[in-house]
Amino acid sequence: MSVVSLYSFGVLLRVISAAVVGYLATSELAVLCARILPLAPLESVLSVMLFSFVLYAGLVMWAFYVRHHWRALTDLGGLWLLAWVFNYGLAGGVA
């Protein structure tokens, strides 16, 4: 592969990581935070939904900040998987 196609592959992988896996991680973390916040359910969901925009922007920036494009995919994927496991555990086995 040429240098240009390797660079393009890296950028494409970062975009996919940021857009898809970053969105999945943000949504799972929002659900997790809404469950553990000691507020009324409506206030908790509204607070977390407002915070999720900042979180998603931060995760997108992280995907382009890291040195290697594979690390962006593994970091965001690991964050999503960790949040999913905690959500599954808090739900008592109901996904």
PDB file of N, CA and C in Angstrom:
ATOM      1  N   MET A   1       0.847  -1.186   0.000  1.00  0.00           N
ATOM      2  CA  MET A   1       0.000   0.000   0.000  1.00  0.00           C
ATOM      3  C   MET A   1       0.885   1.240   0.000  1.00  0.00           C
ATOM      4  N   SER A   2       0.444   2.230  -0.691  1.00  0.00           N
ATOM      5  CA  SER A   2       1.218   3.464  -0.735  1.00  0.00           C
ATOM      6  C   SER A   2       0.983   4.271   0.541  1.00  0.00           C
ATOM      7  N   VAL A   3       1.783   5.296   0.701  1.00  0.00           N
ATOM      8  CA  VAL A   3       1.689   6.143   1.889  1.00  0.00           C
ATOM      9  C   VAL A   3       0.350   6.870   1.921  1.00  0.00           C
ATOM     10  N   VAL A   4      -0.117   7.297   0.761  1.00  0.00           N
ATOM     11  CA  VAL A   4      -1.388   8.027   0.703  1.00  0.00           C
ATOM     12  C   VAL A   4      -2.544   7.119   1.086  1.00  0.00           C
ATOM     13  N   SER A   5      -2.543   5.886   0.600  1.00  0.00           N
ATOM     14  CA  SER A   5      -3.650   4.995   0.926  1.00  0.00           C
ATOM     15  C   SER A   5      -3.599   4.559   2.393  1.00  0.00           C
ATOM     16  N   LEU A   6      -2.395   4.422   2.984  1.00  0.00           N
ATOM     17  CA  LEU A   6      -2.304   4.126   4.410  1.00  0.00           C
ATOM     18  C   LEU A   6      -2.825   5.286   5.243  1.00  0.00           C
ATOM     19  N   TYR A   7      -2.483   6.497   4.848  1.00  0.00           N
ATOM     20  CA  TYR A   7      -2.977   7.674   5.549  1.00  0.00           C
ATOM     21  C   TYR A   7      -4.494   7.777   5.421  1.00  0.00           C
ATOM     22  N   SER A   8      -5.015   7.530   4.233  1.00  0.00           N
ATOM     23  CA  SER A   8      -6.458   7.578   4.017  1.00  0.00           C
ATOM     24  C   SER A   8      -7.172   6.512   4.835  1.00  0.00           C
ATOM     25  N   PHE A   9      -6.589   5.326   4.926  1.00  0.00           N
ATOM     26  CA  PHE A   9      -7.163   4.265   5.742  1.00  0.00           C
ATOM     27  C   PHE A   9      -7.199   4.665   7.213  1.00  0.00           C
ATOM     28  N   GLY A  10      -6.135   5.304   7.682  1.00  0.00           N
ATOM     29  CA  GLY A  10      -6.094   5.770   9.063  1.00  0.00           C
ATOM     30  C   GLY A  10      -7.152   6.810   9.355  1.00  0.00           C
ATOM     31  N   VAL A  11      -7.324   7.742   8.434  1.00  0.00           N
ATOM     32  CA  VAL A  11      -8.351   8.769   8.612  1.00  0.00           C
ATOM     33  C   VAL A  11      -9.747   8.154   8.571  1.00  0.00           C
ATOM     34  N   LEU A  12      -9.966   7.229   7.654  1.00  0.00           N
ATOM     35  CA  LEU A  12     -11.263   6.559   7.566  1.00  0.00           C
ATOM     36  C   LEU A  12     -11.567   5.780   8.841  1.00  0.00           C
ATOM     37  N   LEU A  13     -10.569   5.093   9.380  1.00  0.00           N
ATOM     38  CA  LEU A  13     -10.773   4.347  10.610  1.00  0.00           C
ATOM     39  C   LEU A  13     -11.064   5.272  11.786  1.00  0.00           C
ATOM     40  N   ARG A  14     -10.418   6.419  11.825  1.00  0.00           N
ATOM     41  CA  ARG A  14     -10.697   7.396  12.885  1.00  0.00           C
ATOM     42  C   ARG A  14     -12.100   7.969  12.758  1.00  0.00           C
ATOM     43  N   VAL A  15     -12.530   8.243  11.544  1.00  0.00           N
ATOM     44  CA  VAL A  15     -13.882   8.773  11.335  1.00  0.00           C
ATOM     45  C   VAL A  15     -14.928   7.751  11.755  1.00  0.00           C
ATOM     46  N   ILE A  16     -14.728   6.494  11.372  1.00  0.00           N
ATOM     47  CA  ILE A  16     -15.668   5.438  11.768  1.00  0.00           C
ATOM     48  C   ILE A  16     -15.643   5.257  13.282  1.00  0.00           C
ATOM     49  N   SER A  17     -14.463   5.291  13.861  1.00  0.00           N
ATOM     50  CA  SER A  17     -14.352   5.156  15.317  1.00  0.00           C
ATOM     51  C   SER A  17     -15.091   6.285  16.018  1.00  0.00           C
ATOM     52  N   ALA A  18     -14.876   7.491  15.540  1.00  0.00           N
ATOM     53  CA  ALA A  18     -15.496   8.645  16.191  1.00  0.00           C
ATOM     54  C   ALA A  18     -17.007   8.649  15.987  1.00  0.00           C
ATOM     55  N   ALA A  19     -17.441   8.385  14.770  1.00  0.00           N
ATOM     56  CA  ALA A  19     -18.866   8.496  14.475  1.00  0.00           C
ATOM     57  C   ALA A  19     -19.670   7.343  15.046  1.00  0.00           C
ATOM     58  N   VAL A  20     -19.244   6.130  14.813  1.00  0.00           N
ATOM     59  CA  VAL A  20     -20.046   4.963  15.198  1.00  0.00           C
ATOM     60  C   VAL A  20     -19.747   4.524  16.624  1.00  0.00           C
ATOM     61  N   VAL A  21     -18.495   4.206  16.892  1.00  0.00           N
ATOM     62  CA  VAL A  21     -18.149   3.668  18.210  1.00  0.00           C
ATOM     63  C   VAL A  21     -18.238   4.766  19.265  1.00  0.00           C
ATOM     64  N   GLY A  22     -17.903   5.988  18.901  1.00  0.00           N
ATOM     65  CA  GLY A  22     -18.067   7.105  19.836  1.00  0.00           C
ATOM     66  C   GLY A  22     -19.520   7.341  20.195  1.00  0.00           C
ATOM     67  N   TYR A  23     -20.408   7.199  19.222  1.00  0.00           N
ATOM     68  CA  TYR A  23     -21.832   7.341  19.494  1.00  0.00           C
ATOM     69  C   TYR A  23     -22.333   6.228  20.398  1.00  0.00           C
ATOM     70  N   LEU A  24     -21.906   4.996  20.131  1.00  0.00           N
ATOM     71  CA  LEU A  24     -22.312   3.870  20.982  1.00  0.00           C
ATOM     72  C   LEU A  24     -21.817   4.053  22.414  1.00  0.00           C
ATOM     73  N   ALA A  25     -20.568   4.473  22.567  1.00  0.00           N
ATOM     74  CA  ALA A  25     -20.013   4.692  23.901  1.00  0.00           C
ATOM     75  C   ALA A  25     -20.744   5.821  24.617  1.00  0.00           C
ATOM     76  N   THR A  26     -21.063   6.889  23.904  1.00  0.00           N
ATOM     77  CA  THR A  26     -21.782   8.005  24.509  1.00  0.00           C
ATOM     78  C   THR A  26     -23.164   7.582  24.969  1.00  0.00           C
ATOM     79  N   SER A  27     -23.866   6.824  24.155  1.00  0.00           N
ATOM     80  CA  SER A  27     -25.218   6.424  24.541  1.00  0.00           C
ATOM     81  C   SER A  27     -25.202   5.478  25.738  1.00  0.00           C
ATOM     82  N   GLU A  28     -24.260   4.537  25.775  1.00  0.00           N
ATOM     83  CA  GLU A  28     -24.178   3.631  26.918  1.00  0.00           C
ATOM     84  C   GLU A  28     -23.760   4.373  28.187  1.00  0.00           C
ATOM     85  N   LEU A  29     -22.826   5.304  28.069  1.00  0.00           N
ATOM     86  CA  LEU A  29     -22.420   6.074  29.241  1.00  0.00           C
ATOM     87  C   LEU A  29     -23.542   6.981  29.725  1.00  0.00           C
ATOM     88  N   ALA A  30     -24.354   7.499  28.812  1.00  0.00           N
ATOM     89  CA  ALA A  30     -25.487   8.329  29.212  1.00  0.00           C
ATOM     90  C   ALA A  30     -26.508   7.511  29.993  1.00  0.00           C
ATOM     91  N   VAL A  31     -26.784   6.309  29.530  1.00  0.00           N
ATOM     92  CA  VAL A  31     -27.715   5.440  30.247  1.00  0.00           C
ATOM     93  C   VAL A  31     -27.159   5.084  31.626  1.00  0.00           C
ATOM     94  N   LEU A  32     -25.881   4.778  31.686  1.00  0.00           N
ATOM     95  CA  LEU A  32     -25.251   4.433  32.957  1.00  0.00           C
ATOM     96  C   LEU A  32     -25.303   5.603  33.935  1.00  0.00           C
ATOM     97  N   CYS A  33     -24.969   6.785  33.463  1.00  0.00           N
ATOM     98  CA  CYS A  33     -24.994   7.961  34.338  1.00  0.00           C
ATOM     99  C   CYS A  33     -26.411   8.300  34.787  1.00  0.00           C
ATOM    100  N   ALA A  34     -27.379   8.143  33.912  1.00  0.00           N
ATOM    101  CA  ALA A  34     -28.763   8.420  34.285  1.00  0.00           C
ATOM    102  C   ALA A  34     -29.248   7.447  35.355  1.00  0.00           C
ATOM    103  N   ARG A  35     -28.740   6.228  35.335  1.00  0.00           N
ATOM    104  CA  ARG A  35     -29.143   5.245  36.345  1.00  0.00           C
ATOM    105  C   ARG A  35     -28.515   5.516  37.701  1.00  0.00           C
ATOM    106  N   ILE A  36     -27.296   6.017  37.723  1.00  0.00           N
ATOM    107  CA  ILE A  36     -26.601   6.146  39.004  1.00  0.00           C
ATOM    108  C   ILE A  36     -26.707   7.540  39.624  1.00  0.00           C
ATOM    109  N   LEU A  37     -27.200   8.522  38.900  1.00  0.00           N
ATOM    110  CA  LEU A  37     -27.346   9.852  39.482  1.00  0.00           C
ATOM    111  C   LEU A  37     -28.457   9.850  40.525  1.00  0.00           C
ATOM    112  N   PRO A  38     -28.215  10.476  41.674  1.00  0.00           N
ATOM    113  CA  PRO A  38     -29.228  10.472  42.733  1.00  0.00           C
ATOM    114  C   PRO A  38     -30.241  11.609  42.577  1.00  0.00           C
ATOM    115  N   LEU A  39     -30.863  11.692  41.423  1.00  0.00           N
ATOM    116  CA  LEU A  39     -31.864  12.718  41.152  1.00  0.00           C
ATOM    117  C   LEU A  39     -33.174  12.042  40.795  1.00  0.00           C
ATOM    118  N   ALA A  40     -34.204  12.851  40.646  1.00  0.00           N
ATOM    119  CA  ALA A  40     -35.464  12.323  40.134  1.00  0.00           C
ATOM    120  C   ALA A  40     -35.222  11.821  38.708  1.00  0.00           C
ATOM    121  N   PRO A  41     -35.984  10.820  38.258  1.00  0.00           N
ATOM    122  CA  PRO A  41     -35.709  10.247  36.930  1.00  0.00           C
ATOM    123  C   PRO A  41     -35.707  11.272  35.793  1.00  0.00           C
ATOM    124  N   LEU A  42     -36.661  12.188  35.793  1.00  0.00           N
ATOM    125  CA  LEU A  42     -36.713  13.184  34.728  1.00  0.00           C
ATOM    126  C   LEU A  42     -35.497  14.109  34.766  1.00  0.00           C
ATOM    127  N   GLU A  43     -35.150  14.579  35.941  1.00  0.00           N
ATOM    128  CA  GLU A  43     -33.990  15.465  36.074  1.00  0.00           C
ATOM    129  C   GLU A  43     -32.695  14.747  35.709  1.00  0.00           C
ATOM    130  N   SER A  44     -32.607  13.493  36.090  1.00  0.00           N
ATOM    131  CA  SER A  44     -31.418  12.710  35.782  1.00  0.00           C
ATOM    132  C   SER A  44     -31.240  12.536  34.279  1.00  0.00           C
ATOM    133  N   VAL A  45     -32.305  12.181  33.601  1.00  0.00           N
ATOM    134  CA  VAL A  45     -32.221  11.969  32.153  1.00  0.00           C
ATOM    135  C   VAL A  45     -31.916  13.280  31.434  1.00  0.00           C
ATOM    136  N   LEU A  46     -32.569  14.354  31.827  1.00  0.00           N
ATOM    137  CA  LEU A  46     -32.310  15.639  31.169  1.00  0.00           C
ATOM    138  C   LEU A  46     -30.881  16.119  31.404  1.00  0.00           C
ATOM    139  N   SER A  47     -30.382  15.951  32.614  1.00  0.00           N
ATOM    140  CA  SER A  47     -29.010  16.366  32.912  1.00  0.00           C
ATOM    141  C   SER A  47     -27.994  15.566  32.105  1.00  0.00           C
ATOM    142  N   VAL A  48     -28.216  14.273  32.042  1.00  0.00           N
ATOM    143  CA  VAL A  48     -27.273  13.420  31.325  1.00  0.00           C
ATOM    144  C   VAL A  48     -27.352  13.660  29.822  1.00  0.00           C
ATOM    145  N   MET A  49     -28.525  13.917  29.294  1.00  0.00           N
ATOM    146  CA  MET A  49     -28.642  14.178  27.857  1.00  0.00           C
ATOM    147  C   MET A  49     -27.921  15.477  27.477  1.00  0.00           C
ATOM    148  N   LEU A  50     -27.981  16.472  28.331  1.00  0.00           N
ATOM    149  CA  LEU A  50     -27.222  17.695  28.065  1.00  0.00           C
ATOM    150  C   LEU A  50     -25.717  17.430  28.131  1.00  0.00           C
ATOM    151  N   PHE A  51     -25.303  16.637  29.105  1.00  0.00           N
ATOM    152  CA  PHE A  51     -23.886  16.311  29.240  1.00  0.00           C
ATOM    153  C   PHE A  51     -23.397  15.418  28.105  1.00  0.00           C
ATOM    154  N   SER A  52     -24.283  14.623  27.526  1.00  0.00           N
ATOM    155  CA  SER A  52     -23.857  13.677  26.488  1.00  0.00           C
ATOM    156  C   SER A  52     -23.347  14.393  25.239  1.00  0.00           C
ATOM    157  N   PHE A  53     -23.834  15.595  24.957  1.00  0.00           N
ATOM    158  CA  PHE A  53     -23.313  16.347  23.808  1.00  0.00           C
ATOM    159  C   PHE A  53     -21.850  16.707  24.022  1.00  0.00           C
ATOM    160  N   VAL A  54     -21.510  17.113  25.235  1.00  0.00           N
ATOM    161  CA  VAL A  54     -20.118  17.440  25.564  1.00  0.00           C
ATOM    162  C   VAL A  54     -19.264  16.171  25.536  1.00  0.00           C
ATOM    163  N   LEU A  55     -19.803  15.084  26.066  1.00  0.00           N
ATOM    164  CA  LEU A  55     -19.082  13.821  26.078  1.00  0.00           C
ATOM    165  C   LEU A  55     -18.808  13.327  24.666  1.00  0.00           C
ATOM    166  N   TYR A  56     -19.797  13.395  23.788  1.00  0.00           N
ATOM    167  CA  TYR A  56     -19.608  12.936  22.408  1.00  0.00           C
ATOM    168  C   TYR A  56     -18.550  13.788  21.695  1.00  0.00           C
ATOM    169  N   ALA A  57     -18.596  15.092  21.909  1.00  0.00           N
ATOM    170  CA  ALA A  57     -17.585  15.958  21.302  1.00  0.00           C
ATOM    171  C   ALA A  57     -16.188  15.609  21.817  1.00  0.00           C
ATOM    172  N   GLY A  58     -16.088  15.304  23.096  1.00  0.00           N
ATOM    173  CA  GLY A  58     -14.800  14.906  23.659  1.00  0.00           C
ATOM    174  C   GLY A  58     -14.302  13.583  23.104  1.00  0.00           C
ATOM    175  N   LEU A  59     -15.205  12.634  22.912  1.00  0.00           N
ATOM    176  CA  LEU A  59     -14.794  11.354  22.357  1.00  0.00           C
ATOM    177  C   LEU A  59     -14.378  11.476  20.892  1.00  0.00           C
ATOM    178  N   VAL A  60     -15.037  12.338  20.150  1.00  0.00           N
ATOM    179  CA  VAL A  60     -14.640  12.573  18.758  1.00  0.00           C
ATOM    180  C   VAL A  60     -13.250  13.209  18.713  1.00  0.00           C
ATOM    181  N   MET A  61     -13.016  14.176  19.593  1.00  0.00           N
ATOM    182  CA  MET A  61     -11.688  14.788  19.637  1.00  0.00           C
ATOM    183  C   MET A  61     -10.627  13.773  20.054  1.00  0.00           C
ATOM    184  N   TRP A  62     -10.975  12.874  20.985  1.00  0.00           N
ATOM    185  CA  TRP A  62     -10.035  11.845  21.412  1.00  0.00           C
ATOM    186  C   TRP A  62      -9.668  10.933  20.246  1.00  0.00           C
ATOM    187  N   ALA A  63     -10.644  10.605  19.410  1.00  0.00           N
ATOM    188  CA  ALA A  63     -10.371   9.706  18.285  1.00  0.00           C
ATOM    189  C   ALA A  63      -9.349  10.305  17.326  1.00  0.00           C
ATOM    190  N   PHE A  64      -9.304  11.622  17.229  1.00  0.00           N
ATOM    191  CA  PHE A  64      -8.343  12.263  16.339  1.00  0.00           C
ATOM    192  C   PHE A  64      -7.089  12.733  17.074  1.00  0.00           C
ATOM    193  N   TYR A  65      -7.100  12.652  18.390  1.00  0.00           N
ATOM    194  CA  TYR A  65      -5.947  13.086  19.173  1.00  0.00           C
ATOM    195  C   TYR A  65      -4.899  11.990  19.316  1.00  0.00           C
ATOM    196  N   VAL A  66      -5.336  10.754  19.481  1.00  0.00           N
ATOM    197  CA  VAL A  66      -4.387   9.676  19.751  1.00  0.00           C
ATOM    198  C   VAL A  66      -3.451   9.462  18.565  1.00  0.00           C
ATOM    199  N   ARG A  67      -2.271   8.946  18.854  1.00  0.00           N
ATOM    200  CA  ARG A  67      -1.238   8.827  17.828  1.00  0.00           C
ATOM    201  C   ARG A  67      -1.561   7.766  16.776  1.00  0.00           C
ATOM    202  N   HIS A  68      -2.062   6.615  17.203  1.00  0.00           N
ATOM    203  CA  HIS A  68      -2.317   5.517  16.272  1.00  0.00           C
ATOM    204  C   HIS A  68      -3.820   5.335  16.074  1.00  0.00           C
ATOM    205  N   HIS A  69      -4.212   5.106  14.836  1.00  0.00           N
ATOM    206  CA  HIS A  69      -5.637   5.014  14.538  1.00  0.00           C
ATOM    207  C   HIS A  69      -6.267   3.767  15.153  1.00  0.00           C
ATOM    208  N   TRP A  70      -5.497   2.703  15.359  1.00  0.00           N
ATOM    209  CA  TRP A  70      -6.050   1.506  15.993  1.00  0.00           C
ATOM    210  C   TRP A  70      -6.358   1.755  17.459  1.00  0.00           C
ATOM    211  N   ARG A  71      -5.574   2.626  18.086  1.00  0.00           N
ATOM    212  CA  ARG A  71      -5.833   2.938  19.492  1.00  0.00           C
ATOM    213  C   ARG A  71      -7.138   3.687  19.648  1.00  0.00           C
ATOM    214  N   ALA A  72      -7.479   4.513  18.691  1.00  0.00           N
ATOM    215  CA  ALA A  72      -8.767   5.211  18.755  1.00  0.00           C
ATOM    216  C   ALA A  72      -9.910   4.209  18.750  1.00  0.00           C
ATOM    217  N   LEU A  73      -9.802   3.208  17.892  1.00  0.00           N
ATOM    218  CA  LEU A  73     -10.847   2.187  17.811  1.00  0.00           C
ATOM    219  C   LEU A  73     -10.903   1.342  19.077  1.00  0.00           C
ATOM    220  N   THR A  74      -9.756   0.923  19.590  1.00  0.00           N
ATOM    221  CA  THR A  74      -9.755   0.062  20.771  1.00  0.00           C
ATOM    222  C   THR A  74     -10.151   0.819  22.037  1.00  0.00           C
ATOM    223  N   ASP A  75      -9.734   2.075  22.181  1.00  0.00           N
ATOM    224  CA  ASP A  75     -10.109   2.852  23.361  1.00  0.00           C
ATOM    225  C   ASP A  75     -11.610   3.100  23.407  1.00  0.00           C
ATOM    226  N   LEU A  76     -12.159   3.556  22.299  1.00  0.00           N
ATOM    227  CA  LEU A  76     -13.594   3.838  22.275  1.00  0.00           C
ATOM    228  C   LEU A  76     -14.412   2.555  22.363  1.00  0.00           C
ATOM    229  N   GLY A  77     -13.945   1.503  21.712  1.00  0.00           N
ATOM    230  CA  GLY A  77     -14.639   0.227  21.809  1.00  0.00           C
ATOM    231  C   GLY A  77     -14.590  -0.342  23.214  1.00  0.00           C
ATOM    232  N   GLY A  78     -13.450  -0.213  23.869  1.00  0.00           N
ATOM    233  CA  GLY A  78     -13.336  -0.673  25.253  1.00  0.00           C
ATOM    234  C   GLY A  78     -14.213   0.127  26.200  1.00  0.00           C
ATOM    235  N   LEU A  79     -14.300   1.418  25.986  1.00  0.00           N
ATOM    236  CA  LEU A  79     -15.177   2.260  26.806  1.00  0.00           C
ATOM    237  C   LEU A  79     -16.630   1.872  26.619  1.00  0.00           C
ATOM    238  N   TRP A  80     -17.024   1.615  25.369  1.00  0.00           N
ATOM    239  CA  TRP A  80     -18.389   1.182  25.101  1.00  0.00           C
ATOM    240  C   TRP A  80     -18.670  -0.160  25.754  1.00  0.00           C
ATOM    241  N   LEU A  81     -17.749  -1.093  25.626  1.00  0.00           N
ATOM    242  CA  LEU A  81     -17.948  -2.419  26.195  1.00  0.00           C
ATOM    243  C   LEU A  81     -18.019  -2.361  27.717  1.00  0.00           C
ATOM    244  N   LEU A  82     -17.178  -1.560  28.337  1.00  0.00           N
ATOM    245  CA  LEU A  82     -17.194  -1.413  29.778  1.00  0.00           C
ATOM    246  C   LEU A  82     -18.515  -0.811  30.261  1.00  0.00           C
ATOM    247  N   ALA A  83     -18.988   0.220  29.590  1.00  0.00           N
ATOM    248  CA  ALA A  83     -20.269   0.826  29.963  1.00  0.00           C
ATOM    249  C   ALA A  83     -21.416  -0.148  29.738  1.00  0.00           C
ATOM    250  N   TRP A  84     -21.352  -0.939  28.668  1.00  0.00           N
ATOM    251  CA  TRP A  84     -22.405  -1.923  28.405  1.00  0.00           C
ATOM    252  C   TRP A  84     -22.444  -2.992  29.491  1.00  0.00           C
ATOM    253  N   VAL A  85     -21.269  -3.440  29.932  1.00  0.00           N
ATOM    254  CA  VAL A  85     -21.213  -4.455  30.985  1.00  0.00           C
ATOM    255  C   VAL A  85     -21.786  -3.905  32.284  1.00  0.00           C
ATOM    256  N   PHE A  86     -21.438  -2.671  32.637  1.00  0.00           N
ATOM    257  CA  PHE A  86     -21.991  -2.076  33.852  1.00  0.00           C
ATOM    258  C   PHE A  86     -23.498  -1.866  33.737  1.00  0.00           C
ATOM    259  N   ASN A  87     -23.970  -1.443  32.581  1.00  0.00           N
ATOM    260  CA  ASN A  87     -25.417  -1.293  32.397  1.00  0.00           C
ATOM    261  C   ASN A  87     -26.126  -2.632  32.512  1.00  0.00           C
ATOM    262  N   TYR A  88     -25.554  -3.666  31.941  1.00  0.00           N
ATOM    263  CA  TYR A  88     -26.146  -4.999  32.007  1.00  0.00           C
ATOM    264  C   TYR A  88     -26.171  -5.497  33.448  1.00  0.00           C
ATOM    265  N   GLY A  89     -25.118  -5.216  34.193  1.00  0.00           N
ATOM    266  CA  GLY A  89     -25.074  -5.628  35.591  1.00  0.00           C
ATOM    267  C   GLY A  89     -26.045  -4.863  36.470  1.00  0.00           C
ATOM    268  N   LEU A  90     -26.205  -3.570  36.217  1.00  0.00           N
ATOM    269  CA  LEU A  90     -27.152  -2.781  36.987  1.00  0.00           C
ATOM    270  C   LEU A  90     -28.601  -3.124  36.679  1.00  0.00           C
ATOM    271  N   ALA A  91     -28.839  -3.594  35.455  1.00  0.00           N
ATOM    272  CA  ALA A  91     -30.206  -3.922  35.072  1.00  0.00           C
ATOM    273  C   ALA A  91     -30.614  -5.281  35.627  1.00  0.00           C
ATOM    274  N   GLY A  92     -29.714  -6.007  36.241  1.00  0.00           N
ATOM    275  CA  GLY A  92     -30.037  -7.298  36.808  1.00  0.00           C
ATOM    276  C   GLY A  92     -30.171  -8.394  35.771  1.00  0.00           C
ATOM    277  N   GLY A  93     -29.410  -8.302  34.694  1.00  0.00           N
ATOM    278  CA  GLY A  93     -29.448  -9.344  33.674  1.00  0.00           C
ATOM    279  C   GLY A  93     -30.361  -9.030  32.514  1.00  0.00           C
ATOM    280  N   VAL A  94     -31.011  -7.877  32.527  1.00  0.00           N
ATOM    281  CA  VAL A  94     -31.893  -7.499  31.416  1.00  0.00           C
ATOM    282  C   VAL A  94     -31.176  -6.434  30.606  1.00  0.00           C
ATOM    283  N   ALA A  95     -30.925  -6.714  29.348  1.00  0.00           N
ATOM    284  CA  ALA A  95     -30.193  -5.781  28.495  1.00  0.00           C
ATOM    285  C   ALA A  95     -31.093  -4.714  27.937  1.00  0.00           C
TER     286      ALA A  95
END
